[in-house]
């Protein structure tokens, strides 16, 4: 691929979906369920797993209509965004907990030495 600003590694498959396939839905469907299992069966390698373009072409995709694909893709994108938001919130709460525990332990130490 010759495109300015793009560098590709040797282990990359590029999928050009036609207009009847939502890219978001395609990413979701090949990463989950029966299609993901079918891809896993075709993958080769021990520590680094590879799948060739010819193997990708053999995978049978079950695609609903484009409006349904778009709705499903949007649903999972919204879900992913919510999960990311809650993970950030959880990380912040864990940090706050650690700060409180540090303050509490320093209070206990100061109390013991009075």
N, C-alpha and C. Protein backbone atom coordinates (compact mmCIF):
# COMPACT_ATOMS: atom_id res chain seq x y z
N UNK A 1 0.86 -1.17 0.00
CA UNK A 1 0.00 0.00 0.00
C UNK A 1 0.90 1.22 0.00
N UNK A 2 0.71 2.04 -0.94
CA UNK A 2 1.50 3.26 -1.03
C UNK A 2 0.59 4.45 -0.74
N UNK A 3 0.65 4.89 0.50
CA UNK A 3 -0.15 6.03 0.90
C UNK A 3 0.67 6.85 1.88
N UNK A 4 0.74 8.13 1.67
CA UNK A 4 1.53 9.02 2.50
C UNK A 4 1.10 8.94 3.96
N UNK A 5 2.07 8.76 4.85
CA UNK A 5 1.79 8.72 6.28
C UNK A 5 1.30 7.39 6.79
N UNK A 6 1.25 6.36 5.96
CA UNK A 6 0.78 5.04 6.37
C UNK A 6 1.92 4.05 6.31
N UNK A 7 2.14 3.35 7.43
CA UNK A 7 3.16 2.31 7.48
C UNK A 7 2.46 1.02 7.87
N UNK A 8 2.69 -0.03 7.13
CA UNK A 8 2.04 -1.31 7.39
C UNK A 8 3.07 -2.35 7.80
N UNK A 9 2.71 -3.19 8.77
CA UNK A 9 3.55 -4.30 9.15
C UNK A 9 3.32 -5.47 8.22
N UNK A 10 4.13 -6.49 8.35
CA UNK A 10 4.03 -7.65 7.46
C UNK A 10 2.87 -8.56 7.78
N UNK A 11 2.26 -8.41 8.94
CA UNK A 11 1.21 -9.31 9.38
C UNK A 11 -0.12 -8.58 9.49
N UNK A 12 -0.56 -8.04 8.36
CA UNK A 12 -1.75 -7.21 8.37
C UNK A 12 -2.63 -7.59 7.20
N UNK A 13 -3.90 -7.81 7.49
CA UNK A 13 -4.89 -8.06 6.45
C UNK A 13 -5.78 -6.84 6.34
N UNK A 14 -5.96 -6.36 5.14
CA UNK A 14 -6.84 -5.22 4.91
C UNK A 14 -8.11 -5.73 4.27
N UNK A 15 -9.22 -5.39 4.87
CA UNK A 15 -10.52 -5.84 4.36
C UNK A 15 -11.24 -4.62 3.80
N UNK A 16 -11.56 -4.67 2.54
CA UNK A 16 -12.35 -3.62 1.91
C UNK A 16 -13.77 -4.13 1.78
N UNK A 17 -14.64 -3.62 2.63
CA UNK A 17 -16.03 -4.06 2.60
C UNK A 17 -16.80 -3.24 1.56
N UNK A 18 -17.75 -3.88 0.91
CA UNK A 18 -18.56 -3.13 -0.05
C UNK A 18 -19.62 -2.31 0.70
N UNK A 19 -20.40 -1.56 -0.02
CA UNK A 19 -21.35 -0.63 0.60
C UNK A 19 -22.49 -1.33 1.34
N UNK A 20 -22.63 -2.65 1.18
CA UNK A 20 -23.69 -3.39 1.88
C UNK A 20 -23.24 -3.86 3.26
N UNK A 21 -22.00 -3.51 3.65
CA UNK A 21 -21.47 -3.97 4.93
C UNK A 21 -21.00 -2.77 5.74
N UNK A 22 -21.49 -2.69 6.97
CA UNK A 22 -21.05 -1.64 7.90
C UNK A 22 -19.68 -2.04 8.47
N UNK A 23 -18.66 -1.18 8.35
CA UNK A 23 -17.34 -1.52 8.88
C UNK A 23 -17.35 -1.82 10.38
N UNK A 24 -18.16 -1.07 11.14
CA UNK A 24 -18.25 -1.31 12.58
C UNK A 24 -18.85 -2.69 12.85
N UNK A 25 -19.92 -3.01 12.14
CA UNK A 25 -20.55 -4.32 12.32
C UNK A 25 -19.59 -5.44 11.91
N UNK A 26 -18.87 -5.24 10.83
CA UNK A 26 -17.91 -6.24 10.36
C UNK A 26 -16.85 -6.50 11.44
N UNK A 27 -16.32 -5.44 12.03
CA UNK A 27 -15.31 -5.60 13.08
C UNK A 27 -15.88 -6.38 14.27
N UNK A 28 -17.11 -6.08 14.64
CA UNK A 28 -17.75 -6.77 15.76
C UNK A 28 -17.99 -8.23 15.43
N UNK A 29 -18.50 -8.50 14.25
CA UNK A 29 -18.89 -9.87 13.91
C UNK A 29 -17.70 -10.80 13.72
N UNK A 30 -16.56 -10.29 13.22
CA UNK A 30 -15.42 -11.19 13.06
C UNK A 30 -14.63 -11.34 14.35
N UNK A 31 -14.98 -10.54 15.36
CA UNK A 31 -14.29 -10.62 16.64
C UNK A 31 -15.08 -11.41 17.68
N UNK A 32 -16.26 -11.88 17.32
CA UNK A 32 -17.14 -12.56 18.28
C UNK A 32 -17.93 -13.67 17.60
N UNK A 33 -18.46 -14.55 18.40
CA UNK A 33 -19.39 -15.55 17.93
C UNK A 33 -18.81 -16.58 16.97
N UNK A 34 -19.67 -17.10 16.10
CA UNK A 34 -19.29 -18.18 15.19
C UNK A 34 -18.20 -17.76 14.21
N UNK A 35 -18.26 -16.53 13.73
CA UNK A 35 -17.25 -16.07 12.78
C UNK A 35 -15.88 -16.03 13.43
N UNK A 36 -15.81 -15.59 14.68
CA UNK A 36 -14.53 -15.57 15.40
C UNK A 36 -14.02 -16.98 15.61
N UNK A 37 -14.92 -17.91 15.92
CA UNK A 37 -14.52 -19.31 16.10
C UNK A 37 -14.00 -19.89 14.78
N UNK A 38 -14.66 -19.54 13.69
CA UNK A 38 -14.22 -20.02 12.38
C UNK A 38 -12.84 -19.46 12.02
N UNK A 39 -12.61 -18.19 12.33
CA UNK A 39 -11.29 -17.59 12.10
C UNK A 39 -10.23 -18.26 12.97
N UNK A 40 -10.58 -18.55 14.21
CA UNK A 40 -9.63 -19.19 15.12
C UNK A 40 -9.20 -20.57 14.61
N UNK A 41 -10.14 -21.30 14.02
CA UNK A 41 -9.82 -22.63 13.47
C UNK A 41 -8.82 -22.52 12.32
N UNK A 42 -8.90 -21.44 11.57
CA UNK A 42 -8.05 -21.27 10.40
C UNK A 42 -6.69 -20.64 10.75
N UNK A 43 -6.59 -20.07 11.93
CA UNK A 43 -5.35 -19.40 12.34
C UNK A 43 -4.23 -20.41 12.54
N UNK A 44 -3.02 -19.98 12.23
CA UNK A 44 -1.85 -20.86 12.34
C UNK A 44 -0.78 -20.18 13.16
N UNK A 45 -0.03 -20.99 13.89
CA UNK A 45 1.08 -20.47 14.67
C UNK A 45 0.91 -20.80 16.14
N UNK A 46 2.02 -20.75 16.85
CA UNK A 46 2.01 -21.07 18.29
C UNK A 46 2.03 -19.78 19.11
N UNK A 47 3.19 -19.12 19.18
CA UNK A 47 3.28 -17.91 20.00
C UNK A 47 2.72 -16.70 19.27
N UNK A 48 2.87 -16.64 17.97
CA UNK A 48 2.29 -15.58 17.16
C UNK A 48 1.34 -16.25 16.16
N UNK A 49 0.09 -15.87 16.22
CA UNK A 49 -0.93 -16.52 15.40
C UNK A 49 -1.17 -15.67 14.15
N UNK A 50 -1.22 -16.35 13.00
CA UNK A 50 -1.41 -15.69 11.72
C UNK A 50 -2.66 -16.24 11.04
N UNK A 51 -3.27 -15.39 10.24
CA UNK A 51 -4.35 -15.84 9.37
C UNK A 51 -4.15 -15.15 8.02
N UNK A 52 -4.20 -15.93 6.98
CA UNK A 52 -3.94 -15.41 5.65
C UNK A 52 -5.18 -14.87 4.98
N UNK A 53 -4.95 -14.06 3.95
CA UNK A 53 -6.07 -13.50 3.19
C UNK A 53 -6.94 -14.58 2.58
N UNK A 54 -6.31 -15.66 2.11
CA UNK A 54 -7.11 -16.74 1.50
C UNK A 54 -8.02 -17.39 2.54
N UNK A 55 -7.55 -17.49 3.78
CA UNK A 55 -8.40 -18.04 4.84
C UNK A 55 -9.54 -17.09 5.18
N UNK A 56 -9.25 -15.79 5.16
CA UNK A 56 -10.30 -14.80 5.45
C UNK A 56 -11.42 -14.88 4.41
N UNK A 57 -11.04 -15.12 3.16
CA UNK A 57 -12.03 -15.19 2.09
C UNK A 57 -12.98 -16.37 2.27
N UNK A 58 -12.55 -17.41 2.98
CA UNK A 58 -13.36 -18.61 3.17
C UNK A 58 -14.37 -18.49 4.31
N UNK A 59 -14.23 -17.49 5.15
CA UNK A 59 -15.12 -17.34 6.30
C UNK A 59 -16.49 -16.86 5.83
N UNK A 60 -17.51 -17.57 6.26
CA UNK A 60 -18.88 -17.23 5.89
C UNK A 60 -19.43 -16.25 6.92
N UNK A 61 -19.83 -15.09 6.46
CA UNK A 61 -20.39 -14.07 7.33
C UNK A 61 -21.90 -14.05 7.19
N UNK A 62 -22.58 -13.97 8.31
CA UNK A 62 -24.02 -13.83 8.31
C UNK A 62 -24.33 -12.36 8.57
N UNK A 63 -24.82 -11.70 7.54
CA UNK A 63 -25.03 -10.26 7.63
C UNK A 63 -26.51 -9.91 7.57
N UNK A 64 -27.01 -9.19 8.58
CA UNK A 64 -28.38 -8.66 8.47
C UNK A 64 -28.39 -7.48 7.50
N UNK A 65 -29.52 -6.85 7.36
CA UNK A 65 -29.61 -5.70 6.47
C UNK A 65 -28.70 -4.57 6.97
N UNK A 66 -28.34 -3.66 6.08
CA UNK A 66 -27.45 -2.56 6.45
C UNK A 66 -28.01 -1.71 7.60
N UNK A 67 -29.30 -1.37 7.60
CA UNK A 67 -29.82 -0.61 8.75
C UNK A 67 -29.68 -1.38 10.08
N UNK A 68 -29.89 -2.70 10.03
CA UNK A 68 -29.72 -3.51 11.24
C UNK A 68 -28.24 -3.54 11.66
N UNK A 69 -27.34 -3.68 10.69
CA UNK A 69 -25.91 -3.66 10.99
C UNK A 69 -25.52 -2.35 11.67
N UNK A 70 -26.03 -1.25 11.12
CA UNK A 70 -25.72 0.07 11.67
C UNK A 70 -26.25 0.20 13.10
N UNK A 71 -27.46 -0.26 13.33
CA UNK A 71 -28.06 -0.18 14.67
C UNK A 71 -27.26 -1.04 15.67
N UNK A 72 -26.88 -2.24 15.25
CA UNK A 72 -26.10 -3.12 16.12
C UNK A 72 -24.73 -2.51 16.41
N UNK A 73 -24.08 -1.99 15.38
CA UNK A 73 -22.77 -1.36 15.56
C UNK A 73 -22.84 -0.17 16.50
N UNK A 74 -23.88 0.66 16.33
CA UNK A 74 -24.07 1.82 17.21
C UNK A 74 -24.32 1.40 18.65
N UNK A 75 -25.12 0.35 18.83
CA UNK A 75 -25.40 -0.16 20.18
C UNK A 75 -24.11 -0.58 20.87
N UNK A 76 -23.29 -1.38 20.19
CA UNK A 76 -22.06 -1.85 20.82
C UNK A 76 -21.04 -0.73 21.00
N UNK A 77 -21.02 0.24 20.10
CA UNK A 77 -20.13 1.39 20.28
C UNK A 77 -20.55 2.17 21.53
N UNK A 78 -21.85 2.37 21.72
CA UNK A 78 -22.35 3.06 22.91
C UNK A 78 -22.00 2.27 24.17
N UNK A 79 -22.15 0.96 24.10
CA UNK A 79 -21.80 0.10 25.23
C UNK A 79 -20.31 0.19 25.55
N UNK A 80 -19.47 0.14 24.52
CA UNK A 80 -18.02 0.27 24.71
C UNK A 80 -17.67 1.62 25.35
N UNK A 81 -18.32 2.68 24.89
CA UNK A 81 -18.08 4.01 25.45
C UNK A 81 -18.46 4.06 26.93
N UNK A 82 -19.60 3.44 27.27
CA UNK A 82 -20.04 3.42 28.67
C UNK A 82 -19.07 2.62 29.53
N UNK A 83 -18.60 1.49 29.02
CA UNK A 83 -17.63 0.67 29.76
C UNK A 83 -16.35 1.45 30.00
N UNK A 84 -15.87 2.15 28.97
CA UNK A 84 -14.66 2.96 29.11
C UNK A 84 -14.86 4.04 30.17
N UNK A 85 -16.01 4.70 30.13
CA UNK A 85 -16.31 5.74 31.11
C UNK A 85 -16.30 5.18 32.53
N UNK A 86 -16.94 4.03 32.73
CA UNK A 86 -17.01 3.45 34.07
C UNK A 86 -15.65 2.92 34.53
N UNK A 87 -14.83 2.45 33.58
CA UNK A 87 -13.47 2.02 33.95
C UNK A 87 -12.67 3.21 34.45
N UNK A 88 -12.79 4.35 33.76
CA UNK A 88 -12.09 5.56 34.20
C UNK A 88 -12.57 5.99 35.58
N UNK A 89 -13.89 5.93 35.78
CA UNK A 89 -14.45 6.30 37.07
C UNK A 89 -13.94 5.36 38.16
N UNK A 90 -13.90 4.06 37.87
CA UNK A 90 -13.40 3.08 38.82
C UNK A 90 -11.93 3.35 39.15
N UNK A 91 -11.13 3.63 38.12
CA UNK A 91 -9.71 3.94 38.36
C UNK A 91 -9.57 5.16 39.27
N UNK A 92 -10.39 6.18 39.05
CA UNK A 92 -10.35 7.37 39.89
C UNK A 92 -10.73 7.06 41.33
N UNK A 93 -11.75 6.23 41.50
CA UNK A 93 -12.18 5.85 42.85
C UNK A 93 -11.11 5.01 43.56
N UNK A 94 -10.44 4.14 42.81
CA UNK A 94 -9.36 3.34 43.40
C UNK A 94 -8.22 4.25 43.86
N UNK A 95 -7.91 5.25 43.05
CA UNK A 95 -6.86 6.20 43.41
C UNK A 95 -7.25 6.98 44.65
N UNK A 96 -8.50 7.41 44.72
CA UNK A 96 -8.99 8.13 45.88
C UNK A 96 -8.93 7.25 47.13
N UNK A 97 -9.31 5.99 46.98
CA UNK A 97 -9.25 5.03 48.10
C UNK A 97 -7.82 4.92 48.61
N UNK A 98 -6.86 4.79 47.69
CA UNK A 98 -5.46 4.67 48.10
C UNK A 98 -4.98 5.93 48.83
N UNK A 99 -5.40 7.09 48.37
CA UNK A 99 -5.04 8.33 49.05
C UNK A 99 -5.62 8.36 50.46
N UNK A 100 -6.87 7.97 50.61
CA UNK A 100 -7.49 7.93 51.94
C UNK A 100 -6.78 6.93 52.84
N UNK A 101 -6.42 5.77 52.29
CA UNK A 101 -5.72 4.76 53.09
C UNK A 101 -4.35 5.28 53.55
N UNK A 102 -3.66 6.01 52.67
CA UNK A 102 -2.38 6.60 53.06
C UNK A 102 -2.56 7.60 54.19
N UNK A 103 -3.58 8.45 54.05
CA UNK A 103 -3.85 9.44 55.10
C UNK A 103 -4.21 8.74 56.41
N UNK A 104 -5.03 7.70 56.30
CA UNK A 104 -5.44 6.96 57.49
C UNK A 104 -4.25 6.31 58.17
N UNK A 105 -3.36 5.70 57.40
CA UNK A 105 -2.20 5.03 57.99
C UNK A 105 -1.26 6.04 58.62
N UNK A 106 -1.13 7.24 58.03
CA UNK A 106 -0.26 8.25 58.64
C UNK A 106 -0.89 8.77 59.92
N UNK A 107 -2.22 8.84 59.99
CA UNK A 107 -2.89 9.25 61.22
C UNK A 107 -2.69 8.22 62.32
N UNK A 108 -2.78 6.93 61.96
CA UNK A 108 -2.59 5.86 62.95
C UNK A 108 -1.17 5.89 63.50
N UNK A 109 -0.19 6.10 62.64
CA UNK A 109 1.20 6.15 63.07
C UNK A 109 1.40 7.34 64.00
N UNK A 110 0.85 8.50 63.64
CA UNK A 110 0.99 9.70 64.47
C UNK A 110 0.30 9.49 65.82
N UNK A 111 -0.84 8.82 65.82
CA UNK A 111 -1.57 8.56 67.05
C UNK A 111 -0.79 7.62 67.96
N UNK A 112 -0.14 6.62 67.41
CA UNK A 112 0.64 5.66 68.20
C UNK A 112 1.85 6.31 68.88
N UNK A 113 2.40 7.34 68.28
CA UNK A 113 3.60 7.93 68.84
C UNK A 113 3.34 9.16 69.72
N UNK A 114 2.12 9.41 70.08
CA UNK A 114 1.82 10.54 70.96
C UNK A 114 2.08 10.19 72.37
